[in-house]
Amino acid sequence: MTQRAMFPPHHSLPTPPKDRDGAGTAALVLALSSYMLTTVAGGFFLAIPVGIAAIVCGVVGARRAKRGEASNGRMARVGLVLGSVITVPTTIFLAWLFYGLSQA
């Protein structure tokens, strides 16, 4: 004799995809790190690549939020803007500094 199952087999509902918030968070963390590097002696040289990484992560995070894949679009945009506000003046300052040193 075979035993018959008392209940039908359980079928779970598909789980919704998780948000992809990593890029927006990384943008804000990198932008703040870039800001902190500008306050350290010699940190100007590291602030520019870290700021560029913040800009790239901010663009990726903002696009994901626009498509509905991420829920932290505001954080991504803040990281993008803060990374830009820090990277551009730092780059201009270093270019001015190197130009002045080459003329001396």
C-alpha atoms as a PDB file:
ATOM      1  CA  MET A   1       0.000   0.000   0.000  1.00  0.00           C
ATOM      2  CA  THR A   2       1.265   3.424  -0.853  1.00  0.00           C
ATOM      3  CA  GLN A   3       0.610   6.328   1.386  1.00  0.00           C
ATOM      4  CA  ARG A   4      -1.022   9.287  -0.087  1.00  0.00           C
ATOM      5  CA  ALA A   5       0.088  12.757   0.937  1.00  0.00           C
ATOM      6  CA  MET A   6      -2.385  14.484   3.158  1.00  0.00           C
ATOM      7  CA  PHE A   7      -1.659  17.901   1.674  1.00  0.00           C
ATOM      8  CA  PRO A   8      -0.773  18.909  -1.869  1.00  0.00           C
ATOM      9  CA  PRO A   9       2.858  19.800  -2.527  1.00  0.00           C
ATOM     10  CA  HIS A  10       3.817  23.284  -1.438  1.00  0.00           C
ATOM     11  CA  HIS A  11       4.523  25.781  -4.174  1.00  0.00           C
ATOM     12  CA  SER A  12       6.082  28.974  -2.933  1.00  0.00           C
ATOM     13  CA  LEU A  13       5.578  32.284  -4.616  1.00  0.00           C
ATOM     14  CA  PRO A  14       8.563  33.675  -6.474  1.00  0.00           C
ATOM     15  CA  THR A  15      10.521  36.123  -4.377  1.00  0.00           C
ATOM     16  CA  PRO A  16      10.774  39.630  -5.754  1.00  0.00           C
ATOM     17  CA  PRO A  17      14.261  40.673  -6.851  1.00  0.00           C
ATOM     18  CA  LYS A  18      16.229  42.545  -4.235  1.00  0.00           C
ATOM     19  CA  ASP A  19      17.152  46.154  -4.768  1.00  0.00           C
ATOM     20  CA  ARG A  20      20.569  46.821  -6.236  1.00  0.00           C
ATOM     21  CA  ASP A  21      21.543  49.697  -3.952  1.00  0.00           C
ATOM     22  CA  GLY A  22      25.298  49.075  -3.888  1.00  0.00           C
ATOM     23  CA  ALA A  23      26.291  51.633  -6.508  1.00  0.00           C
ATOM     24  CA  GLY A  24      24.420  54.496  -4.837  1.00  0.00           C
ATOM     25  CA  THR A  25      25.870  53.683  -1.452  1.00  0.00           C
ATOM     26  CA  ALA A  26      29.355  53.348  -2.920  1.00  0.00           C
ATOM     27  CA  ALA A  27      28.972  56.737  -4.629  1.00  0.00           C
ATOM     28  CA  LEU A  28      28.213  58.491  -1.363  1.00  0.00           C
ATOM     29  CA  VAL A  29      30.969  56.693   0.559  1.00  0.00           C
ATOM     30  CA  LEU A  30      33.543  57.408  -2.159  1.00  0.00           C
ATOM     31  CA  ALA A  31      32.511  61.059  -2.394  1.00  0.00           C
ATOM     32  CA  LEU A  32      32.885  61.523   1.349  1.00  0.00           C
ATOM     33  CA  SER A  33      36.217  59.698   1.249  1.00  0.00           C
ATOM     34  CA  SER A  34      37.373  61.992  -1.533  1.00  0.00           C
ATOM     35  CA  TYR A  35      36.412  64.994   0.578  1.00  0.00           C
ATOM     36  CA  MET A  36      38.361  63.629   3.514  1.00  0.00           C
ATOM     37  CA  LEU A  37      41.393  63.044   1.295  1.00  0.00           C
ATOM     38  CA  THR A  38      41.435  66.691   0.255  1.00  0.00           C
ATOM     39  CA  THR A  39      41.955  67.687   3.882  1.00  0.00           C
ATOM     40  CA  VAL A  40      45.005  65.437   4.306  1.00  0.00           C
ATOM     41  CA  ALA A  41      48.443  66.608   3.203  1.00  0.00           C
ATOM     42  CA  GLY A  42      49.251  64.812  -0.037  1.00  0.00           C
ATOM     43  CA  GLY A  43      45.737  63.445  -0.298  1.00  0.00           C
ATOM     44  CA  PHE A  44      44.989  65.597  -3.333  1.00  0.00           C
ATOM     45  CA  PHE A  45      46.582  62.984  -5.546  1.00  0.00           C
ATOM     46  CA  LEU A  46      44.270  60.265  -4.249  1.00  0.00           C
ATOM     47  CA  ALA A  47      41.194  62.482  -4.058  1.00  0.00           C
ATOM     48  CA  ILE A  48      40.878  62.745  -7.827  1.00  0.00           C
ATOM     49  CA  PRO A  49      40.657  58.999  -8.670  1.00  0.00           C
ATOM     50  CA  VAL A  50      38.371  58.389  -5.701  1.00  0.00           C
ATOM     51  CA  GLY A  51      36.181  61.306  -6.820  1.00  0.00           C
ATOM     52  CA  ILE A  52      36.023  59.925 -10.350  1.00  0.00           C
ATOM     53  CA  ALA A  53      34.967  56.551  -8.953  1.00  0.00           C
ATOM     54  CA  ALA A  54      32.249  58.343  -6.959  1.00  0.00           C
ATOM     55  CA  ILE A  55      30.993  60.020 -10.127  1.00  0.00           C
ATOM     56  CA  VAL A  56      30.884  56.723 -12.032  1.00  0.00           C
ATOM     57  CA  CYS A  57      29.108  54.911  -9.192  1.00  0.00           C
ATOM     58  CA  GLY A  58      26.679  57.824  -8.853  1.00  0.00           C
ATOM     59  CA  VAL A  59      25.745  57.647 -12.533  1.00  0.00           C
ATOM     60  CA  VAL A  60      25.269  53.869 -12.349  1.00  0.00           C
ATOM     61  CA  GLY A  61      23.209  54.139  -9.151  1.00  0.00           C
ATOM     62  CA  ALA A  62      21.034  56.932 -10.507  1.00  0.00           C
ATOM     63  CA  ARG A  63      20.307  54.966 -13.676  1.00  0.00           C
ATOM     64  CA  ARG A  64      19.397  51.887 -11.648  1.00  0.00           C
ATOM     65  CA  ALA A  65      17.053  53.971  -9.517  1.00  0.00           C
ATOM     66  CA  LYS A  66      15.470  55.504 -12.601  1.00  0.00           C
ATOM     67  CA  ARG A  67      14.777  52.009 -13.986  1.00  0.00           C
ATOM     68  CA  GLY A  68      13.338  50.917 -10.634  1.00  0.00           C
ATOM     69  CA  GLU A  69      16.117  48.466  -9.833  1.00  0.00           C
ATOM     70  CA  ALA A  70      17.346  50.437  -6.822  1.00  0.00           C
ATOM     71  CA  SER A  71      15.620  52.377  -4.089  1.00  0.00           C
ATOM     72  CA  ASN A  72      18.345  54.856  -3.159  1.00  0.00           C
ATOM     73  CA  GLY A  73      18.325  57.227  -6.107  1.00  0.00           C
ATOM     74  CA  ARG A  74      18.697  60.272  -3.892  1.00  0.00           C
ATOM     75  CA  MET A  75      21.807  58.822  -2.268  1.00  0.00           C
ATOM     76  CA  ALA A  76      23.285  58.085  -5.700  1.00  0.00           C
ATOM     77  CA  ARG A  77      22.595  61.626  -6.895  1.00  0.00           C
ATOM     78  CA  VAL A  78      24.111  63.140  -3.751  1.00  0.00           C
ATOM     79  CA  GLY A  79      27.219  61.008  -4.253  1.00  0.00           C
ATOM     80  CA  LEU A  80      27.382  62.069  -7.903  1.00  0.00           C
ATOM     81  CA  VAL A  81      27.042  65.777  -7.140  1.00  0.00           C
ATOM     82  CA  LEU A  82      29.388  65.703  -4.153  1.00  0.00           C
ATOM     83  CA  GLY A  83      31.968  63.729  -6.123  1.00  0.00           C
ATOM     84  CA  SER A  84      31.769  66.263  -8.954  1.00  0.00           C
ATOM     85  CA  VAL A  85      31.955  69.261  -6.622  1.00  0.00           C
ATOM     86  CA  ILE A  86      35.093  67.845  -5.022  1.00  0.00           C
ATOM     87  CA  THR A  87      36.851  66.401  -8.087  1.00  0.00           C
ATOM     88  CA  VAL A  88      36.593  69.365 -10.455  1.00  0.00           C
ATOM     89  CA  PRO A  89      38.071  72.040  -8.127  1.00  0.00           C
ATOM     90  CA  THR A  90      40.742  69.631  -6.898  1.00  0.00           C
ATOM     91  CA  THR A  91      41.773  68.905 -10.485  1.00  0.00           C
ATOM     92  CA  ILE A  92      41.850  72.611 -11.328  1.00  0.00           C
ATOM     93  CA  PHE A  93      43.916  73.343  -8.205  1.00  0.00           C
ATOM     94  CA  LEU A  94      46.463  70.634  -9.003  1.00  0.00           C
ATOM     95  CA  ALA A  95      46.736  71.808 -12.622  1.00  0.00           C
ATOM     96  CA  TRP A  96      47.291  75.372 -11.399  1.00  0.00           C
ATOM     97  CA  LEU A  97      49.859  74.142  -8.877  1.00  0.00           C
ATOM     98  CA  PHE A  98      51.811  72.131 -11.438  1.00  0.00           C
ATOM     99  CA  TYR A  99      51.665  74.990 -13.931  1.00  0.00           C
ATOM    100  CA  GLY A 100      52.989  77.413 -11.316  1.00  0.00           C
ATOM    101  CA  LEU A 101      55.760  75.046 -10.315  1.00  0.00           C
ATOM    102  CA  SER A 102      56.787  74.542 -13.933  1.00  0.00           C
ATOM    103  CA  GLN A 103      57.049  78.329 -14.437  1.00  0.00           C
ATOM    104  CA  ALA A 104      59.207  78.901 -11.352  1.00  0.00           C
END
